[in-house]
């Protein structure tokens, strides 16, 4: 007979006590999304950053980040001031690129270091320049309760 194993949250749900109640963002939470677009000027150079979307609330848990662009020569990182490639590393975004950095998946925004805030999504330019007129789209999915 095959053995059935349980994930961490399923184990808690099956033997719940007041001390182990899951926060709503971990089970049955509402997923929220922020969308933003940026049209390149052609003056952006390597290491420049582009702020995208509104600031994430403290406690937001990142579920997915998706970036797209209509220019095959553009390479970007998606992260924040704390870790510039927290969510997506070296995205050549002539197609859709999803979260590809393991530590970014389910990352919880904590704002522990005011000098390097982790609540503002930043695109970091990795190519020499961006092509003028190219459009970058970004979607950030997260839960917070």
C-alpha atoms as a PDB file:
ATOM      1  CA  UNK A   1       0.000   0.000   0.000  1.00  0.00           C
ATOM      2  CA  UNK A   2       1.328   3.425  -0.952  1.00  0.00           C
ATOM      3  CA  UNK A   3       2.119   5.914   1.808  1.00  0.00           C
ATOM      4  CA  UNK A   4       0.512   9.374   1.772  1.00  0.00           C
ATOM      5  CA  UNK A   5       2.682  12.273   2.901  1.00  0.00           C
ATOM      6  CA  UNK A   6       1.538  15.799   3.762  1.00  0.00           C
ATOM      7  CA  UNK A   7       2.934  19.246   3.112  1.00  0.00           C
ATOM      8  CA  UNK A   8       3.723  21.548   6.035  1.00  0.00           C
ATOM      9  CA  UNK A   9       0.497  23.556   5.796  1.00  0.00           C
ATOM     10  CA  UNK A  10      -1.667  20.462   5.200  1.00  0.00           C
ATOM     11  CA  UNK A  11      -0.191  18.906   8.365  1.00  0.00           C
ATOM     12  CA  UNK A  12      -1.079  22.046  10.342  1.00  0.00           C
ATOM     13  CA  UNK A  13      -4.611  22.135   8.891  1.00  0.00           C
ATOM     14  CA  UNK A  14      -5.243  18.505   9.837  1.00  0.00           C
ATOM     15  CA  UNK A  15      -4.151  19.042  13.458  1.00  0.00           C
ATOM     16  CA  UNK A  16      -4.927  22.710  14.009  1.00  0.00           C
ATOM     17  CA  UNK A  17      -4.673  24.357  17.415  1.00  0.00           C
ATOM     18  CA  UNK A  18      -4.904  28.042  18.381  1.00  0.00           C
ATOM     19  CA  UNK A  19      -1.101  28.158  18.405  1.00  0.00           C
ATOM     20  CA  UNK A  20      -0.792  26.828  14.845  1.00  0.00           C
ATOM     21  CA  UNK A  21      -3.521  28.694  12.952  1.00  0.00           C
ATOM     22  CA  UNK A  22      -2.265  29.656   9.502  1.00  0.00           C
ATOM     23  CA  UNK A  23      -2.411  33.267   8.415  1.00  0.00           C
ATOM     24  CA  UNK A  24      -4.937  33.771   5.582  1.00  0.00           C
ATOM     25  CA  UNK A  25      -2.197  34.538   3.065  1.00  0.00           C
ATOM     26  CA  UNK A  26      -0.878  30.973   3.348  1.00  0.00           C
ATOM     27  CA  UNK A  27      -4.149  29.106   2.894  1.00  0.00           C
ATOM     28  CA  UNK A  28      -7.240  30.475   1.188  1.00  0.00           C
ATOM     29  CA  UNK A  29      -5.763  33.970   0.897  1.00  0.00           C
ATOM     30  CA  UNK A  30      -6.548  36.545  -1.759  1.00  0.00           C
ATOM     31  CA  UNK A  31      -4.000  36.979  -4.518  1.00  0.00           C
ATOM     32  CA  UNK A  32      -3.446  40.595  -5.518  1.00  0.00           C
ATOM     33  CA  UNK A  33      -1.716  41.887  -8.616  1.00  0.00           C
ATOM     34  CA  UNK A  34       0.124  45.050  -9.596  1.00  0.00           C
ATOM     35  CA  UNK A  35       0.701  45.825 -13.277  1.00  0.00           C
ATOM     36  CA  UNK A  36       2.974  48.432 -14.792  1.00  0.00           C
ATOM     37  CA  UNK A  37       4.505  49.342 -18.159  1.00  0.00           C
ATOM     38  CA  UNK A  38       7.573  51.327 -19.134  1.00  0.00           C
ATOM     39  CA  UNK A  39       8.448  52.723 -22.564  1.00  0.00           C
ATOM     40  CA  UNK A  40      12.212  52.996 -22.970  1.00  0.00           C
ATOM     41  CA  UNK A  41      13.708  56.371 -23.841  1.00  0.00           C
ATOM     42  CA  UNK A  42      16.910  54.919 -25.280  1.00  0.00           C
ATOM     43  CA  UNK A  43      19.019  56.810 -22.729  1.00  0.00           C
ATOM     44  CA  UNK A  44      18.958  54.065 -20.079  1.00  0.00           C
ATOM     45  CA  UNK A  45      22.325  52.350 -19.619  1.00  0.00           C
ATOM     46  CA  UNK A  46      23.662  49.316 -17.757  1.00  0.00           C
ATOM     47  CA  UNK A  47      23.038  49.437 -13.969  1.00  0.00           C
ATOM     48  CA  UNK A  48      20.283  52.080 -14.293  1.00  0.00           C
ATOM     49  CA  UNK A  49      17.105  51.177 -12.425  1.00  0.00           C
ATOM     50  CA  UNK A  50      13.443  51.633 -13.280  1.00  0.00           C
ATOM     51  CA  UNK A  51      10.869  51.755 -10.460  1.00  0.00           C
ATOM     52  CA  UNK A  52       7.766  49.750 -11.294  1.00  0.00           C
ATOM     53  CA  UNK A  53       4.354  49.495  -9.594  1.00  0.00           C
ATOM     54  CA  UNK A  54       3.401  50.864  -6.206  1.00  0.00           C
ATOM     55  CA  UNK A  55       5.310  49.876  -3.082  1.00  0.00           C
ATOM     56  CA  UNK A  56       4.452  46.418  -1.774  1.00  0.00           C
ATOM     57  CA  UNK A  57       2.931  46.309   1.702  1.00  0.00           C
ATOM     58  CA  UNK A  58       5.027  44.908   4.535  1.00  0.00           C
ATOM     59  CA  UNK A  59       4.184  41.219   4.893  1.00  0.00           C
ATOM     60  CA  UNK A  60       3.378  40.745   1.194  1.00  0.00           C
ATOM     61  CA  UNK A  61       4.357  37.243   0.066  1.00  0.00           C
ATOM     62  CA  UNK A  62       5.399  37.106  -3.599  1.00  0.00           C
ATOM     63  CA  UNK A  63       3.650  34.363  -5.565  1.00  0.00           C
ATOM     64  CA  UNK A  64       4.695  35.228  -9.131  1.00  0.00           C
ATOM     65  CA  UNK A  65       6.520  37.890 -11.147  1.00  0.00           C
ATOM     66  CA  UNK A  66       6.169  38.083 -14.938  1.00  0.00           C
ATOM     67  CA  UNK A  67       8.004  40.438 -17.301  1.00  0.00           C
ATOM     68  CA  UNK A  68       7.657  40.915 -21.052  1.00  0.00           C
ATOM     69  CA  UNK A  69       9.173  43.172 -23.675  1.00  0.00           C
ATOM     70  CA  UNK A  70       8.949  43.614 -27.421  1.00  0.00           C
ATOM     71  CA  UNK A  71      12.734  44.030 -27.882  1.00  0.00           C
ATOM     72  CA  UNK A  72      14.984  40.964 -28.059  1.00  0.00           C
ATOM     73  CA  UNK A  73      18.134  42.958 -27.231  1.00  0.00           C
ATOM     74  CA  UNK A  74      16.977  44.056 -23.778  1.00  0.00           C
ATOM     75  CA  UNK A  75      18.295  42.188 -20.731  1.00  0.00           C
ATOM     76  CA  UNK A  76      16.929  43.061 -17.291  1.00  0.00           C
ATOM     77  CA  UNK A  77      16.990  41.885 -13.688  1.00  0.00           C
ATOM     78  CA  UNK A  78      13.865  42.201 -11.540  1.00  0.00           C
ATOM     79  CA  UNK A  79      14.367  42.746  -7.838  1.00  0.00           C
ATOM     80  CA  UNK A  80      14.537  45.521  -5.279  1.00  0.00           C
ATOM     81  CA  UNK A  81      17.130  47.772  -3.624  1.00  0.00           C
ATOM     82  CA  UNK A  82      18.209  44.949  -1.317  1.00  0.00           C
ATOM     83  CA  UNK A  83      18.728  42.276  -4.015  1.00  0.00           C
ATOM     84  CA  UNK A  84      18.629  43.536  -7.606  1.00  0.00           C
ATOM     85  CA  UNK A  85      17.786  40.109  -9.072  1.00  0.00           C
ATOM     86  CA  UNK A  86      15.610  38.724  -6.270  1.00  0.00           C
ATOM     87  CA  UNK A  87      12.855  37.584  -8.659  1.00  0.00           C
ATOM     88  CA  UNK A  88      14.205  37.390 -12.202  1.00  0.00           C
ATOM     89  CA  UNK A  89      17.850  37.152 -13.246  1.00  0.00           C
ATOM     90  CA  UNK A  90      19.093  38.091 -16.733  1.00  0.00           C
ATOM     91  CA  UNK A  91      15.715  38.165 -18.462  1.00  0.00           C
ATOM     92  CA  UNK A  92      16.030  38.560 -22.204  1.00  0.00           C
ATOM     93  CA  UNK A  93      12.464  39.581 -22.465  1.00  0.00           C
ATOM     94  CA  UNK A  94      11.504  39.385 -26.138  1.00  0.00           C
ATOM     95  CA  UNK A  95       9.186  36.750 -24.722  1.00  0.00           C
ATOM     96  CA  UNK A  96       7.510  36.317 -21.367  1.00  0.00           C
ATOM     97  CA  UNK A  97       9.852  35.510 -18.461  1.00  0.00           C
ATOM     98  CA  UNK A  98       8.509  34.288 -15.145  1.00  0.00           C
ATOM     99  CA  UNK A  99      10.114  34.266 -11.711  1.00  0.00           C
ATOM    100  CA  UNK A 100      13.363  32.293 -12.081  1.00  0.00           C
ATOM    101  CA  UNK A 101      15.235  32.875  -8.826  1.00  0.00           C
ATOM    102  CA  UNK A 102      14.354  30.329  -6.157  1.00  0.00           C
ATOM    103  CA  UNK A 103      14.805  32.750  -3.235  1.00  0.00           C
ATOM    104  CA  UNK A 104      12.284  35.168  -4.784  1.00  0.00           C
ATOM    105  CA  UNK A 105       9.432  32.666  -4.859  1.00  0.00           C
ATOM    106  CA  UNK A 106       7.324  33.162  -1.698  1.00  0.00           C
ATOM    107  CA  UNK A 107       9.643  35.939  -0.527  1.00  0.00           C
ATOM    108  CA  UNK A 108       8.031  38.006   2.261  1.00  0.00           C
ATOM    109  CA  UNK A 109       8.560  41.780   2.157  1.00  0.00           C
ATOM    110  CA  UNK A 110       9.948  42.824   5.544  1.00  0.00           C
ATOM    111  CA  UNK A 111      11.618  46.251   5.170  1.00  0.00           C
ATOM    112  CA  UNK A 112      14.323  45.286   7.674  1.00  0.00           C
ATOM    113  CA  UNK A 113      16.850  47.707   6.160  1.00  0.00           C
ATOM    114  CA  UNK A 114      15.514  51.197   5.457  1.00  0.00           C
ATOM    115  CA  UNK A 115      18.527  52.118   3.295  1.00  0.00           C
ATOM    116  CA  UNK A 116      17.786  49.225   0.913  1.00  0.00           C
ATOM    117  CA  UNK A 117      13.997  48.826   0.818  1.00  0.00           C
ATOM    118  CA  UNK A 118      12.631  45.513  -0.420  1.00  0.00           C
ATOM    119  CA  UNK A 119       9.103  46.824  -1.007  1.00  0.00           C
ATOM    120  CA  UNK A 120       9.763  48.691  -4.281  1.00  0.00           C
ATOM    121  CA  UNK A 121      10.103  46.540  -7.409  1.00  0.00           C
ATOM    122  CA  UNK A 122      13.079  47.658  -9.501  1.00  0.00           C
ATOM    123  CA  UNK A 123      14.189  46.695 -12.983  1.00  0.00           C
ATOM    124  CA  UNK A 124      17.964  46.849 -13.381  1.00  0.00           C
ATOM    125  CA  UNK A 125      19.275  47.358 -16.917  1.00  0.00           C
ATOM    126  CA  UNK A 126      21.861  44.697 -17.845  1.00  0.00           C
ATOM    127  CA  UNK A 127      22.474  45.636 -21.493  1.00  0.00           C
ATOM    128  CA  UNK A 128      24.531  48.605 -22.674  1.00  0.00           C
ATOM    129  CA  UNK A 129      21.368  50.586 -23.515  1.00  0.00           C
ATOM    130  CA  UNK A 130      17.650  50.040 -23.963  1.00  0.00           C
ATOM    131  CA  UNK A 131      16.128  50.468 -27.404  1.00  0.00           C
ATOM    132  CA  UNK A 132      14.058  53.657 -27.609  1.00  0.00           C
ATOM    133  CA  UNK A 133      10.367  52.881 -27.852  1.00  0.00           C
ATOM    134  CA  UNK A 134      10.577  49.329 -26.546  1.00  0.00           C
ATOM    135  CA  UNK A 135       7.826  48.575 -24.046  1.00  0.00           C
ATOM    136  CA  UNK A 136       8.407  46.562 -20.875  1.00  0.00           C
ATOM    137  CA  UNK A 137       5.421  45.094 -19.040  1.00  0.00           C
ATOM    138  CA  UNK A 138       5.508  43.744 -15.491  1.00  0.00           C
ATOM    139  CA  UNK A 139       3.009  41.843 -13.342  1.00  0.00           C
ATOM    140  CA  UNK A 140       3.615  41.143  -9.642  1.00  0.00           C
ATOM    141  CA  UNK A 141       1.286  38.682  -7.880  1.00  0.00           C
ATOM    142  CA  UNK A 142       1.295  38.551  -4.083  1.00  0.00           C
ATOM    143  CA  UNK A 143      -0.788  37.752  -1.026  1.00  0.00           C
ATOM    144  CA  UNK A 144      -1.114  39.888   2.076  1.00  0.00           C
ATOM    145  CA  UNK A 145      -3.702  39.702   4.829  1.00  0.00           C
END
